[in-house]
Amino acid sequence: GSLGFVVGSLHQFRKADKILYRFAWPLAAIIVVGASLGAYIVLAIDTAILTKVIGLIVALLVPLVLWRKDLGLTHHTVSNKRILLGYFIYAFLSVYEGFLGVGGGILAAYLFVLMFGMTFTEANATEKVPQAVNSLITTVIFAVHGVIDYKLGLVLMVGSFIGGSLGARFAIKKGDRVVKAIFITVATISAIRFVFFS
């Protein structure tokens, strides 16, 4: 299902020229290793506690986005050291996204805005490139282990493709201010769900 969503939204963001490829390709290279490790880890660990930890991290970052009014609304230049640190943090995030992924997109958006100086729309668009790589890798690994329900997967993929395409169009049309407001709402609800209902 996630593969359909990524492909659908990636197509729309590419047409609107919102993807920052100078970041997208290094991030995709990082996720090749991270997602592979993560997909194997999921087969061996209990993820309930980690989900709660991710929920707490997401919750702690929401006030930062609220406090900095311009954060994610305008593209700003950042230092090379900050970019390298961002890649380093993303390496760990990619492992997490490979084996659980719950809240991974929210954390990636935070990371891209804070460490790479992107707007929320650019962050959402750019993340689709490594997400596409991640989805392909994890799908292959899960297929090899025989844990995919192909009939259900196909239905989810088609539905997710349509949803991803419509969501990307909405984000492009409405702009970063609306995307940021939606992001804060989703992050807050997700944090509550991860901490108290997972």
C-alpha atoms as a PDB file:
ATOM      1  CA  GLY A   1       0.000   0.000   0.000  1.00  0.00           C
ATOM      2  CA  SER A   2       2.746   2.468   0.890  1.00  0.00           C
ATOM      3  CA  LEU A   3       4.366   1.993  -2.522  1.00  0.00           C
ATOM      4  CA  GLY A   4       1.201   3.203  -4.268  1.00  0.00           C
ATOM      5  CA  PHE A   5       0.972   6.255  -2.020  1.00  0.00           C
ATOM      6  CA  VAL A   6       4.596   7.213  -2.642  1.00  0.00           C
ATOM      7  CA  VAL A   7       4.386   6.787  -6.422  1.00  0.00           C
ATOM      8  CA  GLY A   8       1.128   8.755  -6.636  1.00  0.00           C
ATOM      9  CA  SER A   9       2.397  11.721  -4.615  1.00  0.00           C
ATOM     10  CA  LEU A  10       5.896  11.611  -6.125  1.00  0.00           C
ATOM     11  CA  HIS A  11       4.443  12.080  -9.600  1.00  0.00           C
ATOM     12  CA  GLN A  12       2.519  15.210  -8.571  1.00  0.00           C
ATOM     13  CA  PHE A  13       5.420  16.760  -6.659  1.00  0.00           C
ATOM     14  CA  ARG A  14       7.785  16.102  -9.574  1.00  0.00           C
ATOM     15  CA  LYS A  15       5.445  17.867 -11.982  1.00  0.00           C
ATOM     16  CA  ALA A  16       5.269  20.863  -9.627  1.00  0.00           C
ATOM     17  CA  ASP A  17       9.096  20.925  -9.290  1.00  0.00           C
ATOM     18  CA  LYS A  18       8.915  20.666  -5.469  1.00  0.00           C
ATOM     19  CA  ILE A  19      11.499  17.886  -5.013  1.00  0.00           C
ATOM     20  CA  LEU A  20      14.982  19.021  -3.940  1.00  0.00           C
ATOM     21  CA  TYR A  21      17.034  16.357  -5.707  1.00  0.00           C
ATOM     22  CA  ARG A  22      20.362  17.560  -4.255  1.00  0.00           C
ATOM     23  CA  PHE A  23      19.057  16.210  -0.935  1.00  0.00           C
ATOM     24  CA  ALA A  24      16.769  13.464  -2.257  1.00  0.00           C
ATOM     25  CA  TRP A  25      19.464  11.289  -3.880  1.00  0.00           C
ATOM     26  CA  PRO A  26      21.855  11.206  -0.869  1.00  0.00           C
ATOM     27  CA  LEU A  27      18.845  10.476   1.371  1.00  0.00           C
ATOM     28  CA  ALA A  28      17.790   7.665  -0.960  1.00  0.00           C
ATOM     29  CA  ALA A  29      21.293   6.183  -0.789  1.00  0.00           C
ATOM     30  CA  ILE A  30      21.199   6.300   3.017  1.00  0.00           C
ATOM     31  CA  ILE A  31      17.821   4.590   3.181  1.00  0.00           C
ATOM     32  CA  VAL A  32      19.010   1.679   1.024  1.00  0.00           C
ATOM     33  CA  VAL A  33      21.107   0.461   3.952  1.00  0.00           C
ATOM     34  CA  GLY A  34      18.805   1.668   6.719  1.00  0.00           C
ATOM     35  CA  ALA A  35      15.603   0.179   5.340  1.00  0.00           C
ATOM     36  CA  SER A  36      17.283  -3.151   4.669  1.00  0.00           C
ATOM     37  CA  LEU A  37      18.485  -3.386   8.271  1.00  0.00           C
ATOM     38  CA  GLY A  38      15.133  -2.206   9.558  1.00  0.00           C
ATOM     39  CA  ALA A  39      13.107  -4.746   7.596  1.00  0.00           C
ATOM     40  CA  TYR A  40      15.098  -7.580   9.178  1.00  0.00           C
ATOM     41  CA  ILE A  41      14.875  -6.052  12.659  1.00  0.00           C
ATOM     42  CA  VAL A  42      11.048  -5.996  12.553  1.00  0.00           C
ATOM     43  CA  LEU A  43      11.049  -9.761  12.305  1.00  0.00           C
ATOM     44  CA  ALA A  44      12.926 -10.072  15.609  1.00  0.00           C
ATOM     45  CA  ILE A  45      11.796  -7.373  18.108  1.00  0.00           C
ATOM     46  CA  ASP A  46       8.769  -6.116  20.007  1.00  0.00           C
ATOM     47  CA  THR A  47       8.019  -2.595  18.767  1.00  0.00           C
ATOM     48  CA  ALA A  48       5.412  -1.443  21.325  1.00  0.00           C
ATOM     49  CA  ILE A  49       7.837   0.444  23.579  1.00  0.00           C
ATOM     50  CA  LEU A  50       9.613   2.051  20.639  1.00  0.00           C
ATOM     51  CA  THR A  51       6.300   3.336  19.287  1.00  0.00           C
ATOM     52  CA  LYS A  52       5.694   5.142  22.587  1.00  0.00           C
ATOM     53  CA  VAL A  53       9.204   6.655  22.483  1.00  0.00           C
ATOM     54  CA  ILE A  54       8.589   7.949  18.952  1.00  0.00           C
ATOM     55  CA  GLY A  55       5.286   9.413  20.144  1.00  0.00           C
ATOM     56  CA  LEU A  56       7.094  11.313  22.906  1.00  0.00           C
ATOM     57  CA  ILE A  57       9.683  12.665  20.457  1.00  0.00           C
ATOM     58  CA  VAL A  58       6.962  13.823  18.057  1.00  0.00           C
ATOM     59  CA  ALA A  59       5.102  15.481  20.947  1.00  0.00           C
ATOM     60  CA  LEU A  60       8.233  17.286  22.169  1.00  0.00           C
ATOM     61  CA  LEU A  61       8.896  18.722  18.707  1.00  0.00           C
ATOM     62  CA  VAL A  62       5.392  20.164  18.181  1.00  0.00           C
ATOM     63  CA  PRO A  63       6.010  23.229  20.441  1.00  0.00           C
ATOM     64  CA  LEU A  64       9.151  24.046  18.442  1.00  0.00           C
ATOM     65  CA  VAL A  65       7.150  24.241  15.213  1.00  0.00           C
ATOM     66  CA  LEU A  66       4.509  26.371  16.922  1.00  0.00           C
ATOM     67  CA  TRP A  67       7.080  28.681  18.531  1.00  0.00           C
ATOM     68  CA  ARG A  68       8.993  29.441  15.326  1.00  0.00           C
ATOM     69  CA  LYS A  69       6.295  31.043  13.211  1.00  0.00           C
ATOM     70  CA  ASP A  70       8.358  31.090   9.992  1.00  0.00           C
ATOM     71  CA  LEU A  71       9.677  27.526  10.349  1.00  0.00           C
ATOM     72  CA  GLY A  72       8.837  25.508   7.265  1.00  0.00           C
ATOM     73  CA  LEU A  73       7.155  28.409   5.498  1.00  0.00           C
ATOM     74  CA  THR A  74      10.228  29.788   3.742  1.00  0.00           C
ATOM     75  CA  HIS A  75      13.279  28.017   2.366  1.00  0.00           C
ATOM     76  CA  HIS A  76      16.460  29.040   4.180  1.00  0.00           C
ATOM     77  CA  THR A  77      20.164  28.320   3.725  1.00  0.00           C
ATOM     78  CA  VAL A  78      21.898  26.090   6.266  1.00  0.00           C
ATOM     79  CA  SER A  79      25.564  25.258   6.845  1.00  0.00           C
ATOM     80  CA  ASN A  80      27.278  22.181   5.400  1.00  0.00           C
ATOM     81  CA  LYS A  81      27.906  20.917   8.954  1.00  0.00           C
ATOM     82  CA  ARG A  82      24.200  21.076   9.662  1.00  0.00           C
ATOM     83  CA  ILE A  83      23.410  19.225   6.441  1.00  0.00           C
ATOM     84  CA  LEU A  84      25.933  16.473   7.297  1.00  0.00           C
ATOM     85  CA  LEU A  85      24.421  16.148  10.775  1.00  0.00           C
ATOM     86  CA  GLY A  86      21.008  15.898   9.125  1.00  0.00           C
ATOM     87  CA  TYR A  87      22.213  13.021   6.928  1.00  0.00           C
ATOM     88  CA  PHE A  88      23.667  11.288   9.998  1.00  0.00           C
ATOM     89  CA  ILE A  89      20.375  11.561  11.905  1.00  0.00           C
ATOM     90  CA  TYR A  90      18.469  10.393   8.831  1.00  0.00           C
ATOM     91  CA  ALA A  91      20.632   7.245   8.709  1.00  0.00           C
ATOM     92  CA  PHE A  92      19.184   6.204  12.088  1.00  0.00           C
ATOM     93  CA  LEU A  93      15.689   7.299  11.082  1.00  0.00           C
ATOM     94  CA  SER A  94      15.900   5.188   7.916  1.00  0.00           C
ATOM     95  CA  VAL A  95      16.585   2.052   9.962  1.00  0.00           C
ATOM     96  CA  TYR A  96      13.547   2.849  12.093  1.00  0.00           C
ATOM     97  CA  GLU A  97      11.406   3.498   9.005  1.00  0.00           C
ATOM     98  CA  GLY A  98      12.515   0.159   7.589  1.00  0.00           C
ATOM     99  CA  PHE A  99      11.308  -1.905  10.538  1.00  0.00           C
ATOM    100  CA  LEU A 100       8.388   0.060  11.989  1.00  0.00           C
ATOM    101  CA  GLY A 101       7.818   3.360  10.230  1.00  0.00           C
ATOM    102  CA  VAL A 102       5.132   4.593  12.641  1.00  0.00           C
ATOM    103  CA  GLY A 103       5.676   8.354  12.828  1.00  0.00           C
ATOM    104  CA  GLY A 104       8.695   8.108  10.538  1.00  0.00           C
ATOM    105  CA  GLY A 105       7.248  10.512   7.996  1.00  0.00           C
ATOM    106  CA  ILE A 106       6.529  13.078  10.704  1.00  0.00           C
ATOM    107  CA  LEU A 107      10.073  12.804  12.070  1.00  0.00           C
ATOM    108  CA  ALA A 108      11.504  13.066   8.551  1.00  0.00           C
ATOM    109  CA  ALA A 109       9.513  16.257   7.921  1.00  0.00           C
ATOM    110  CA  TYR A 110      10.852  17.750  11.168  1.00  0.00           C
ATOM    111  CA  LEU A 111      14.369  16.745  10.170  1.00  0.00           C
ATOM    112  CA  PHE A 112      14.191  18.134   6.639  1.00  0.00           C
ATOM    113  CA  VAL A 113      12.768  21.467   7.790  1.00  0.00           C
ATOM    114  CA  LEU A 114      15.160  21.906  10.722  1.00  0.00           C
ATOM    115  CA  MET A 115      18.392  20.501   9.271  1.00  0.00           C
ATOM    116  CA  PHE A 116      18.077  21.121   5.518  1.00  0.00           C
ATOM    117  CA  GLY A 117      16.166  24.414   5.566  1.00  0.00           C
ATOM    118  CA  MET A 118      13.222  23.141   3.527  1.00  0.00           C
ATOM    119  CA  THR A 119       9.643  24.344   3.536  1.00  0.00           C
ATOM    120  CA  PHE A 120       7.022  21.804   4.618  1.00  0.00           C
ATOM    121  CA  THR A 121       5.966  21.206   1.011  1.00  0.00           C
ATOM    122  CA  GLU A 122       9.581  20.719  -0.098  1.00  0.00           C
ATOM    123  CA  ALA A 123      10.159  18.351   2.834  1.00  0.00           C
ATOM    124  CA  ASN A 124       7.067  16.328   1.960  1.00  0.00           C
ATOM    125  CA  ALA A 125       8.011  16.200  -1.718  1.00  0.00           C
ATOM    126  CA  THR A 126      11.703  15.417  -1.214  1.00  0.00           C
ATOM    127  CA  GLU A 127      10.949  12.643   1.286  1.00  0.00           C
ATOM    128  CA  LYS A 128       9.021  10.794  -1.428  1.00  0.00           C
ATOM    129  CA  VAL A 129      12.249   9.833  -3.260  1.00  0.00           C
ATOM    130  CA  PRO A 130      13.836   7.920  -0.343  1.00  0.00           C
ATOM    131  CA  GLN A 131      10.364   6.658   0.626  1.00  0.00           C
ATOM    132  CA  ALA A 132      10.018   5.106  -2.832  1.00  0.00           C
ATOM    133  CA  VAL A 133      13.376   3.362  -2.385  1.00  0.00           C
ATOM    134  CA  ASN A 134      12.374   2.292   1.146  1.00  0.00           C
ATOM    135  CA  SER A 135       9.059   0.851  -0.056  1.00  0.00           C
ATOM    136  CA  LEU A 136      10.715  -1.121  -2.837  1.00  0.00           C
ATOM    137  CA  ILE A 137      13.388  -2.595  -0.554  1.00  0.00           C
ATOM    138  CA  THR A 138      11.039  -3.572   2.266  1.00  0.00           C
ATOM    139  CA  THR A 139       8.490  -5.006  -0.181  1.00  0.00           C
ATOM    140  CA  VAL A 140      11.153  -7.255  -1.711  1.00  0.00           C
ATOM    141  CA  ILE A 141      12.400  -8.401   1.715  1.00  0.00           C
ATOM    142  CA  PHE A 142       8.879  -9.118   2.995  1.00  0.00           C
ATOM    143  CA  ALA A 143       8.052 -10.925  -0.275  1.00  0.00           C
ATOM    144  CA  VAL A 144      11.107 -13.164   0.125  1.00  0.00           C
ATOM    145  CA  HIS A 145       9.911 -14.036   3.644  1.00  0.00           C
ATOM    146  CA  GLY A 146       6.379 -14.737   2.376  1.00  0.00           C
ATOM    147  CA  VAL A 147       4.574 -12.248   4.613  1.00  0.00           C
ATOM    148  CA  ILE A 148       2.700 -10.274   1.920  1.00  0.00           C
ATOM    149  CA  ASP A 149      -1.016 -10.692   1.227  1.00  0.00           C
ATOM    150  CA  TYR A 150      -0.894  -9.826  -2.485  1.00  0.00           C
ATOM    151  CA  LYS A 151      -4.641  -9.425  -3.026  1.00  0.00           C
ATOM    152  CA  LEU A 152      -4.990  -7.013  -0.125  1.00  0.00           C
ATOM    153  CA  GLY A 153      -1.705  -5.340  -1.072  1.00  0.00           C
ATOM    154  CA  LEU A 154      -2.907  -4.605  -4.598  1.00  0.00           C
ATOM    155  CA  VAL A 155      -6.144  -3.043  -3.340  1.00  0.00           C
ATOM    156  CA  LEU A 156      -4.204  -0.934  -0.831  1.00  0.00           C
ATOM    157  CA  MET A 157      -1.698   0.082  -3.500  1.00  0.00           C
ATOM    158  CA  VAL A 158      -4.368   1.364  -5.887  1.00  0.00           C
ATOM    159  CA  GLY A 159      -6.210   3.227  -3.140  1.00  0.00           C
ATOM    160  CA  SER A 160      -2.980   4.667  -1.762  1.00  0.00           C
ATOM    161  CA  PHE A 161      -1.886   5.802  -5.231  1.00  0.00           C
ATOM    162  CA  ILE A 162      -5.100   7.782  -5.647  1.00  0.00           C
ATOM    163  CA  GLY A 163      -4.859   9.185  -2.109  1.00  0.00           C
ATOM    164  CA  GLY A 164      -1.196  10.132  -2.507  1.00  0.00           C
ATOM    165  CA  SER A 165      -1.849  11.876  -5.806  1.00  0.00           C
ATOM    166  CA  LEU A 166      -4.806  13.852  -4.443  1.00  0.00           C
ATOM    167  CA  GLY A 167      -2.920  14.742  -1.251  1.00  0.00           C
ATOM    168  CA  ALA A 168       0.080  16.036  -3.180  1.00  0.00           C
ATOM    169  CA  ARG A 169      -2.160  18.160  -5.416  1.00  0.00           C
ATOM    170  CA  PHE A 170      -3.838  19.603  -2.331  1.00  0.00           C
ATOM    171  CA  ALA A 171      -0.470  20.452  -0.709  1.00  0.00           C
ATOM    172  CA  ILE A 172       0.823  22.123  -3.867  1.00  0.00           C
ATOM    173  CA  LYS A 173      -2.381  24.127  -4.344  1.00  0.00           C
ATOM    174  CA  LYS A 174      -2.842  25.273  -0.729  1.00  0.00           C
ATOM    175  CA  GLY A 175       0.812  26.049   0.047  1.00  0.00           C
ATOM    176  CA  ASP A 176       3.109  25.759   3.045  1.00  0.00           C
ATOM    177  CA  ARG A 177       0.984  27.626   5.586  1.00  0.00           C
ATOM    178  CA  VAL A 178      -1.903  25.160   5.244  1.00  0.00           C
ATOM    179  CA  VAL A 179       0.487  22.192   5.054  1.00  0.00           C
ATOM    180  CA  LYS A 180       2.170  23.337   8.277  1.00  0.00           C
ATOM    181  CA  ALA A 181      -1.182  23.642  10.075  1.00  0.00           C
ATOM    182  CA  ILE A 182      -2.177  20.149   8.947  1.00  0.00           C
ATOM    183  CA  PHE A 183       1.246  18.831   9.939  1.00  0.00           C
ATOM    184  CA  ILE A 184       0.933  20.226  13.487  1.00  0.00           C
ATOM    185  CA  THR A 185      -2.550  18.723  13.843  1.00  0.00           C
ATOM    186  CA  VAL A 186      -1.504  15.294  12.548  1.00  0.00           C
ATOM    187  CA  ALA A 187       1.688  15.298  14.640  1.00  0.00           C
ATOM    188  CA  THR A 188      -0.258  16.110  17.818  1.00  0.00           C
ATOM    189  CA  ILE A 189      -2.930  13.460  17.214  1.00  0.00           C
ATOM    190  CA  SER A 190      -0.275  10.900  16.239  1.00  0.00           C
ATOM    191  CA  ALA A 191       1.786  11.599  19.364  1.00  0.00           C
ATOM    192  CA  ILE A 192      -1.272  11.051  21.586  1.00  0.00           C
ATOM    193  CA  ARG A 193      -2.126   7.847  19.748  1.00  0.00           C
ATOM    194  CA  PHE A 194       1.438   6.457  19.864  1.00  0.00           C
ATOM    195  CA  VAL A 195       1.893   7.188  23.570  1.00  0.00           C
ATOM    196  CA  PHE A 196      -1.520   6.265  24.957  1.00  0.00           C
ATOM    197  CA  PHE A 197      -3.180   3.918  22.452  1.00  0.00           C
ATOM    198  CA  SER A 198      -0.411   1.717  21.018  1.00  0.00           C
END
